[in-house]
Amino acid sequence: MPATARDPAYQAWLVDLDGTLYHQAALRLVMALELTVLGWPAVACLRAFRAEHERLRLESSAPAADPFLTQIQRTAARLGQPEQDVRRLVERWMIARPCRWLRPLRRRGLLGEIADFRRHGGRTALVSDYPARAKLRAMGVAQLFDVVVASGESAEPLRLKPAPDGYLLAAEKLGIPPEVCLVIGDRSDADGQSAERAGMAFRRV
């Protein structure tokens, strides 16, 4: 059964962003149309960046000093492009332009549950493998989270999901033990495994 705002088993909800707080399939369709019309030259770069993201998150080697920067660097090397050009395209097409569409694509039911959980004394954190604050502001939901842990916006976490680092760091910042934290996300192979490795419960949306 899904956790509810009044469920005493959890003191904190740790929530993923992309695909969890908004309907990702609809956003991908809109962005595909925009890329076809306005950004076709960026497609190869974005595909390479996503491929590097998947490679990096599954690596078992030492943590990257900055996972987001590492993805930029690897993509640039793979394509033979300057790092600043890759960063510009990624920030434009994966962060800035999607923000225009996020508010109407919000999962209103889940956001209502999060707000209700907070009203009943629960603590909340947003945990993302990508920069997150601009998207939260675009959706108008930044106030729903006490803590934001997002790759590309701070020095930590050093490993991407399914490593538990991001969720453990969020729990630490909230001052809540892992065993009374609930992870809410859309990917069992990322958020779900992270939660299991962190000793937390998991709810898939």
C-alpha atoms as a PDB file:
ATOM      1  CA  MET A   1       0.000   0.000   0.000  1.00  0.00           C
ATOM      2  CA  PRO A   2       1.314   3.509  -0.765  1.00  0.00           C
ATOM      3  CA  ALA A   3       2.373   5.573   2.222  1.00  0.00           C
ATOM      4  CA  THR A   4      -0.020   8.332   3.228  1.00  0.00           C
ATOM      5  CA  ALA A   5       0.575  11.681   4.884  1.00  0.00           C
ATOM      6  CA  ARG A   6      -0.695  10.268   8.209  1.00  0.00           C
ATOM      7  CA  ASP A   7       1.406   7.077   8.093  1.00  0.00           C
ATOM      8  CA  PRO A   8       3.440   7.092  11.348  1.00  0.00           C
ATOM      9  CA  ALA A   9       6.058   4.719   9.921  1.00  0.00           C
ATOM     10  CA  TYR A  10       7.891   7.520   8.085  1.00  0.00           C
ATOM     11  CA  GLN A  11       9.267  10.806   9.345  1.00  0.00           C
ATOM     12  CA  ALA A  12      10.665  11.942   5.992  1.00  0.00           C
ATOM     13  CA  TRP A  13       9.842  11.561   2.316  1.00  0.00           C
ATOM     14  CA  LEU A  14      12.821  11.755  -0.047  1.00  0.00           C
ATOM     15  CA  VAL A  15      11.541  12.455  -3.527  1.00  0.00           C
ATOM     16  CA  ASP A  16      13.041  12.089  -7.003  1.00  0.00           C
ATOM     17  CA  LEU A  17      12.319  14.831  -9.553  1.00  0.00           C
ATOM     18  CA  ASP A  18      12.391  13.829 -13.229  1.00  0.00           C
ATOM     19  CA  GLY A  19       9.579  11.417 -14.040  1.00  0.00           C
ATOM     20  CA  THR A  20       8.299  11.583 -10.457  1.00  0.00           C
ATOM     21  CA  LEU A  21       7.035  15.119  -9.893  1.00  0.00           C
ATOM     22  CA  TYR A  22       5.905  15.566 -13.490  1.00  0.00           C
ATOM     23  CA  HIS A  23       4.754  13.404 -16.397  1.00  0.00           C
ATOM     24  CA  GLN A  24       8.018  12.731 -18.201  1.00  0.00           C
ATOM     25  CA  ALA A  25       6.579  11.008 -21.277  1.00  0.00           C
ATOM     26  CA  ALA A  26       4.559  14.103 -22.150  1.00  0.00           C
ATOM     27  CA  LEU A  27       7.571  16.367 -21.637  1.00  0.00           C
ATOM     28  CA  ARG A  28       9.745  14.182 -23.848  1.00  0.00           C
ATOM     29  CA  LEU A  29       7.162  14.418 -26.625  1.00  0.00           C
ATOM     30  CA  VAL A  30       7.049  18.212 -26.401  1.00  0.00           C
ATOM     31  CA  MET A  31      10.835  18.501 -26.297  1.00  0.00           C
ATOM     32  CA  ALA A  32      11.215  16.119 -29.246  1.00  0.00           C
ATOM     33  CA  LEU A  33       8.975  18.428 -31.278  1.00  0.00           C
ATOM     34  CA  GLU A  34      10.976  21.473 -30.206  1.00  0.00           C
ATOM     35  CA  LEU A  35      14.264  19.792 -31.050  1.00  0.00           C
ATOM     36  CA  THR A  36      12.971  18.779 -34.466  1.00  0.00           C
ATOM     37  CA  VAL A  37      12.010  22.366 -35.278  1.00  0.00           C
ATOM     38  CA  LEU A  38      14.578  24.430 -33.399  1.00  0.00           C
ATOM     39  CA  GLY A  39      17.393  22.281 -32.102  1.00  0.00           C
ATOM     40  CA  TRP A  40      18.167  19.422 -34.443  1.00  0.00           C
ATOM     41  CA  PRO A  41      21.965  20.039 -34.271  1.00  0.00           C
ATOM     42  CA  ALA A  42      21.799  19.451 -30.496  1.00  0.00           C
ATOM     43  CA  VAL A  43      20.277  15.958 -30.739  1.00  0.00           C
ATOM     44  CA  ALA A  44      23.554  14.051 -31.078  1.00  0.00           C
ATOM     45  CA  CYS A  45      25.033  15.888 -28.112  1.00  0.00           C
ATOM     46  CA  LEU A  46      22.021  15.224 -25.887  1.00  0.00           C
ATOM     47  CA  ARG A  47      21.949  11.541 -26.803  1.00  0.00           C
ATOM     48  CA  ALA A  48      25.653  11.235 -26.038  1.00  0.00           C
ATOM     49  CA  PHE A  49      25.190  13.040 -22.707  1.00  0.00           C
ATOM     50  CA  ARG A  50      22.379  10.700 -21.658  1.00  0.00           C
ATOM     51  CA  ALA A  51      24.472   7.686 -22.675  1.00  0.00           C
ATOM     52  CA  GLU A  52      27.358   8.939 -20.538  1.00  0.00           C
ATOM     53  CA  HIS A  53      24.943   9.460 -17.659  1.00  0.00           C
ATOM     54  CA  GLU A  54      23.839   5.826 -17.807  1.00  0.00           C
ATOM     55  CA  ARG A  55      27.444   4.630 -18.044  1.00  0.00           C
ATOM     56  CA  LEU A  56      28.531   6.733 -15.095  1.00  0.00           C
ATOM     57  CA  ARG A  57      25.699   5.698 -12.815  1.00  0.00           C
ATOM     58  CA  LEU A  58      26.471   2.008 -13.351  1.00  0.00           C
ATOM     59  CA  GLU A  59      30.217   2.301 -12.814  1.00  0.00           C
ATOM     60  CA  SER A  60      31.581   0.607  -9.715  1.00  0.00           C
ATOM     61  CA  SER A  61      34.839   2.565  -9.743  1.00  0.00           C
ATOM     62  CA  ALA A  62      35.777   5.423  -7.424  1.00  0.00           C
ATOM     63  CA  PRO A  63      33.218   8.255  -7.167  1.00  0.00           C
ATOM     64  CA  ALA A  64      33.503  11.129  -9.614  1.00  0.00           C
ATOM     65  CA  ALA A  65      34.540  14.459  -8.084  1.00  0.00           C
ATOM     66  CA  ASP A  66      31.547  16.049  -9.852  1.00  0.00           C
ATOM     67  CA  PRO A  67      29.286  13.589 -11.722  1.00  0.00           C
ATOM     68  CA  PHE A  68      27.563  16.285 -13.795  1.00  0.00           C
ATOM     69  CA  LEU A  69      30.875  17.795 -14.902  1.00  0.00           C
ATOM     70  CA  THR A  70      32.251  14.317 -15.603  1.00  0.00           C
ATOM     71  CA  GLN A  71      29.345  13.673 -17.974  1.00  0.00           C
ATOM     72  CA  ILE A  72      30.022  16.989 -19.728  1.00  0.00           C
ATOM     73  CA  GLN A  73      33.712  16.152 -20.083  1.00  0.00           C
ATOM     74  CA  ARG A  74      33.122  12.635 -21.384  1.00  0.00           C
ATOM     75  CA  THR A  75      30.517  13.812 -23.868  1.00  0.00           C
ATOM     76  CA  ALA A  76      32.829  16.529 -25.144  1.00  0.00           C
ATOM     77  CA  ALA A  77      35.689  14.054 -25.557  1.00  0.00           C
ATOM     78  CA  ARG A  78      33.447  11.520 -27.290  1.00  0.00           C
ATOM     79  CA  LEU A  79      32.131  14.092 -29.781  1.00  0.00           C
ATOM     80  CA  GLY A  80      35.318  16.120 -30.151  1.00  0.00           C
ATOM     81  CA  GLN A  81      33.548  19.304 -29.046  1.00  0.00           C
ATOM     82  CA  PRO A  82      34.561  22.004 -26.535  1.00  0.00           C
ATOM     83  CA  GLU A  83      33.235  21.365 -23.041  1.00  0.00           C
ATOM     84  CA  GLN A  84      31.594  24.795 -22.877  1.00  0.00           C
ATOM     85  CA  ASP A  85      29.578  24.029 -26.007  1.00  0.00           C
ATOM     86  CA  VAL A  86      28.343  20.740 -24.568  1.00  0.00           C
ATOM     87  CA  ARG A  87      27.418  22.399 -21.269  1.00  0.00           C
ATOM     88  CA  ARG A  88      25.545  25.162 -23.097  1.00  0.00           C
ATOM     89  CA  LEU A  89      23.469  22.667 -25.081  1.00  0.00           C
ATOM     90  CA  VAL A  90      22.740  20.470 -22.072  1.00  0.00           C
ATOM     91  CA  GLU A  91      21.702  23.404 -19.900  1.00  0.00           C
ATOM     92  CA  ARG A  92      19.531  24.852 -22.651  1.00  0.00           C
ATOM     93  CA  TRP A  93      17.742  21.697 -23.775  1.00  0.00           C
ATOM     94  CA  MET A  94      17.651  19.608 -20.591  1.00  0.00           C
ATOM     95  CA  ILE A  95      17.115  22.339 -17.994  1.00  0.00           C
ATOM     96  CA  ALA A  96      16.084  25.771 -19.310  1.00  0.00           C
ATOM     97  CA  ARG A  97      13.679  24.978 -22.157  1.00  0.00           C
ATOM     98  CA  PRO A  98      11.865  22.111 -20.372  1.00  0.00           C
ATOM     99  CA  CYS A  99      11.068  24.502 -17.515  1.00  0.00           C
ATOM    100  CA  ARG A 100       8.530  26.252 -19.732  1.00  0.00           C
ATOM    101  CA  TRP A 101       6.384  23.108 -19.859  1.00  0.00           C
ATOM    102  CA  LEU A 102       6.712  21.685 -16.354  1.00  0.00           C
ATOM    103  CA  ARG A 103       3.902  23.491 -14.535  1.00  0.00           C
ATOM    104  CA  PRO A 104       1.036  22.008 -16.612  1.00  0.00           C
ATOM    105  CA  LEU A 105       2.706  18.571 -16.497  1.00  0.00           C
ATOM    106  CA  ARG A 106       2.970  18.385 -12.694  1.00  0.00           C
ATOM    107  CA  ARG A 107       1.697  15.291 -10.885  1.00  0.00           C
ATOM    108  CA  ARG A 108      -0.833  17.263  -8.897  1.00  0.00           C
ATOM    109  CA  GLY A 109      -1.999  14.296  -6.836  1.00  0.00           C
ATOM    110  CA  LEU A 110       1.487  13.464  -5.598  1.00  0.00           C
ATOM    111  CA  LEU A 111       2.321  17.106  -4.931  1.00  0.00           C
ATOM    112  CA  GLY A 112      -0.865  17.358  -2.877  1.00  0.00           C
ATOM    113  CA  GLU A 113       0.205  14.313  -0.867  1.00  0.00           C
ATOM    114  CA  ILE A 114       3.617  15.876  -0.209  1.00  0.00           C
ATOM    115  CA  ALA A 115       2.008  19.109   0.969  1.00  0.00           C
ATOM    116  CA  ASP A 116      -0.339  17.143   3.244  1.00  0.00           C
ATOM    117  CA  PHE A 117       2.581  15.135   4.641  1.00  0.00           C
ATOM    118  CA  ARG A 118       4.346  18.382   5.541  1.00  0.00           C
ATOM    119  CA  ARG A 119       1.209  19.757   7.197  1.00  0.00           C
ATOM    120  CA  HIS A 120       1.234  16.702   9.448  1.00  0.00           C
ATOM    121  CA  GLY A 121       4.815  17.362  10.535  1.00  0.00           C
ATOM    122  CA  GLY A 122       6.731  15.318   7.948  1.00  0.00           C
ATOM    123  CA  ARG A 123      10.082  16.435   6.568  1.00  0.00           C
ATOM    124  CA  THR A 124      10.860  16.366   2.849  1.00  0.00           C
ATOM    125  CA  ALA A 125      13.870  16.372   0.545  1.00  0.00           C
ATOM    126  CA  LEU A 126      14.320  16.445  -3.218  1.00  0.00           C
ATOM    127  CA  VAL A 127      17.075  14.143  -4.526  1.00  0.00           C
ATOM    128  CA  SER A 128      18.085  14.352  -8.192  1.00  0.00           C
ATOM    129  CA  ASP A 129      20.937  13.221 -10.431  1.00  0.00           C
ATOM    130  CA  TYR A 130      20.523  16.465 -12.412  1.00  0.00           C
ATOM    131  CA  PRO A 131      20.334  20.168 -11.486  1.00  0.00           C
ATOM    132  CA  ALA A 132      16.933  20.623  -9.885  1.00  0.00           C
ATOM    133  CA  ARG A 133      16.269  24.060  -8.409  1.00  0.00           C
ATOM    134  CA  ALA A 134      15.292  25.787 -11.663  1.00  0.00           C
ATOM    135  CA  LYS A 135      12.760  23.036 -12.378  1.00  0.00           C
ATOM    136  CA  LEU A 136      11.305  23.242  -8.879  1.00  0.00           C
ATOM    137  CA  ARG A 137      10.852  26.997  -9.272  1.00  0.00           C
ATOM    138  CA  ALA A 138       9.272  26.532 -12.702  1.00  0.00           C
ATOM    139  CA  MET A 139       6.752  24.099 -11.228  1.00  0.00           C
ATOM    140  CA  GLY A 140       6.090  26.405  -8.290  1.00  0.00           C
ATOM    141  CA  VAL A 141       6.873  23.681  -5.735  1.00  0.00           C
ATOM    142  CA  ALA A 142      10.256  24.682  -4.279  1.00  0.00           C
ATOM    143  CA  GLN A 143       8.556  25.445  -0.954  1.00  0.00           C
ATOM    144  CA  LEU A 144       7.556  21.794  -0.575  1.00  0.00           C
ATOM    145  CA  PHE A 145      11.113  20.663   0.171  1.00  0.00           C
ATOM    146  CA  ASP A 146      13.241  21.331   3.231  1.00  0.00           C
ATOM    147  CA  VAL A 147      16.407  20.083   1.518  1.00  0.00           C
ATOM    148  CA  VAL A 148      17.540  19.783  -2.105  1.00  0.00           C
ATOM    149  CA  VAL A 149      20.356  17.395  -3.037  1.00  0.00           C
ATOM    150  CA  ALA A 150      21.062  17.689  -6.749  1.00  0.00           C
ATOM    151  CA  SER A 151      24.038  16.645  -8.858  1.00  0.00           C
ATOM    152  CA  GLY A 152      25.521  19.606 -10.710  1.00  0.00           C
ATOM    153  CA  GLU A 153      24.461  22.093  -8.015  1.00  0.00           C
ATOM    154  CA  SER A 154      26.698  21.149  -5.100  1.00  0.00           C
ATOM    155  CA  ALA A 155      29.865  19.216  -4.274  1.00  0.00           C
ATOM    156  CA  GLU A 156      27.839  16.175  -3.259  1.00  0.00           C
ATOM    157  CA  PRO A 157      26.710  13.504  -3.886  1.00  0.00           C
ATOM    158  CA  LEU A 158      29.741  12.024  -5.611  1.00  0.00           C
ATOM    159  CA  ARG A 159      27.889   9.032  -7.074  1.00  0.00           C
ATOM    160  CA  LEU A 160      24.676   8.802  -9.063  1.00  0.00           C
ATOM    161  CA  LYS A 161      21.751   6.496  -8.363  1.00  0.00           C
ATOM    162  CA  PRO A 162      21.554   3.547  -7.767  1.00  0.00           C
ATOM    163  CA  ALA A 163      24.300   4.451  -5.266  1.00  0.00           C
ATOM    164  CA  PRO A 164      22.586   5.457  -2.006  1.00  0.00           C
ATOM    165  CA  ASP A 165      24.726   8.580  -1.523  1.00  0.00           C
ATOM    166  CA  GLY A 166      22.139  11.198  -2.479  1.00  0.00           C
ATOM    167  CA  TYR A 167      19.366   9.778  -0.301  1.00  0.00           C
ATOM    168  CA  LEU A 168      21.704   9.206   2.657  1.00  0.00           C
ATOM    169  CA  LEU A 169      22.962  12.777   2.366  1.00  0.00           C
ATOM    170  CA  ALA A 170      19.383  14.086   2.273  1.00  0.00           C
ATOM    171  CA  ALA A 171      18.481  12.103   5.402  1.00  0.00           C
ATOM    172  CA  GLU A 172      21.587  13.421   7.136  1.00  0.00           C
ATOM    173  CA  LYS A 173      20.729  17.012   6.246  1.00  0.00           C
ATOM    174  CA  LEU A 174      17.195  16.495   7.553  1.00  0.00           C
ATOM    175  CA  GLY A 175      18.472  14.851  10.727  1.00  0.00           C
ATOM    176  CA  ILE A 176      16.237  11.810  10.133  1.00  0.00           C
ATOM    177  CA  PRO A 177      17.434   8.158  10.471  1.00  0.00           C
ATOM    178  CA  PRO A 178      17.370   6.206   7.165  1.00  0.00           C
ATOM    179  CA  GLU A 179      15.039   3.538   8.545  1.00  0.00           C
ATOM    180  CA  VAL A 180      12.185   6.046   8.904  1.00  0.00           C
ATOM    181  CA  CYS A 181      12.654   7.589   5.448  1.00  0.00           C
ATOM    182  CA  LEU A 182      10.507   6.778   2.416  1.00  0.00           C
ATOM    183  CA  VAL A 183      11.989   7.200  -1.070  1.00  0.00           C
ATOM    184  CA  ILE A 184       9.478   8.142  -3.780  1.00  0.00           C
ATOM    185  CA  GLY A 185      10.605   7.731  -7.386  1.00  0.00           C
ATOM    186  CA  ASP A 186       9.734   6.446 -10.833  1.00  0.00           C
ATOM    187  CA  ARG A 187      12.610   3.999 -11.459  1.00  0.00           C
ATOM    188  CA  SER A 188      13.057   0.776  -9.536  1.00  0.00           C
ATOM    189  CA  ASP A 189      16.526   0.342 -11.066  1.00  0.00           C
ATOM    190  CA  ALA A 190      17.646   3.754  -9.792  1.00  0.00           C
ATOM    191  CA  ASP A 191      15.525   5.122  -6.942  1.00  0.00           C
ATOM    192  CA  GLY A 192      14.405   1.687  -5.789  1.00  0.00           C
ATOM    193  CA  GLN A 193      17.898   0.238  -5.618  1.00  0.00           C
ATOM    194  CA  SER A 194      19.193   3.422  -3.985  1.00  0.00           C
ATOM    195  CA  ALA A 195      16.542   3.112  -1.292  1.00  0.00           C
ATOM    196  CA  GLU A 196      17.338  -0.548  -0.677  1.00  0.00           C
ATOM    197  CA  ARG A 197      21.055   0.175  -0.343  1.00  0.00           C
ATOM    198  CA  ALA A 198      20.314   3.081   2.012  1.00  0.00           C
ATOM    199  CA  GLY A 199      18.068   0.962   4.226  1.00  0.00           C
ATOM    200  CA  MET A 200      14.971   2.958   3.261  1.00  0.00           C
ATOM    201  CA  ALA A 201      11.486   2.028   2.076  1.00  0.00           C
ATOM    202  CA  PHE A 202      10.514   2.717  -1.547  1.00  0.00           C
ATOM    203  CA  ARG A 203       7.320   3.779  -3.280  1.00  0.00           C
ATOM    204  CA  ARG A 204       7.208   3.787  -7.072  1.00  0.00           C
ATOM    205  CA  VAL A 205       5.024   6.256  -8.960  1.00  0.00           C
END
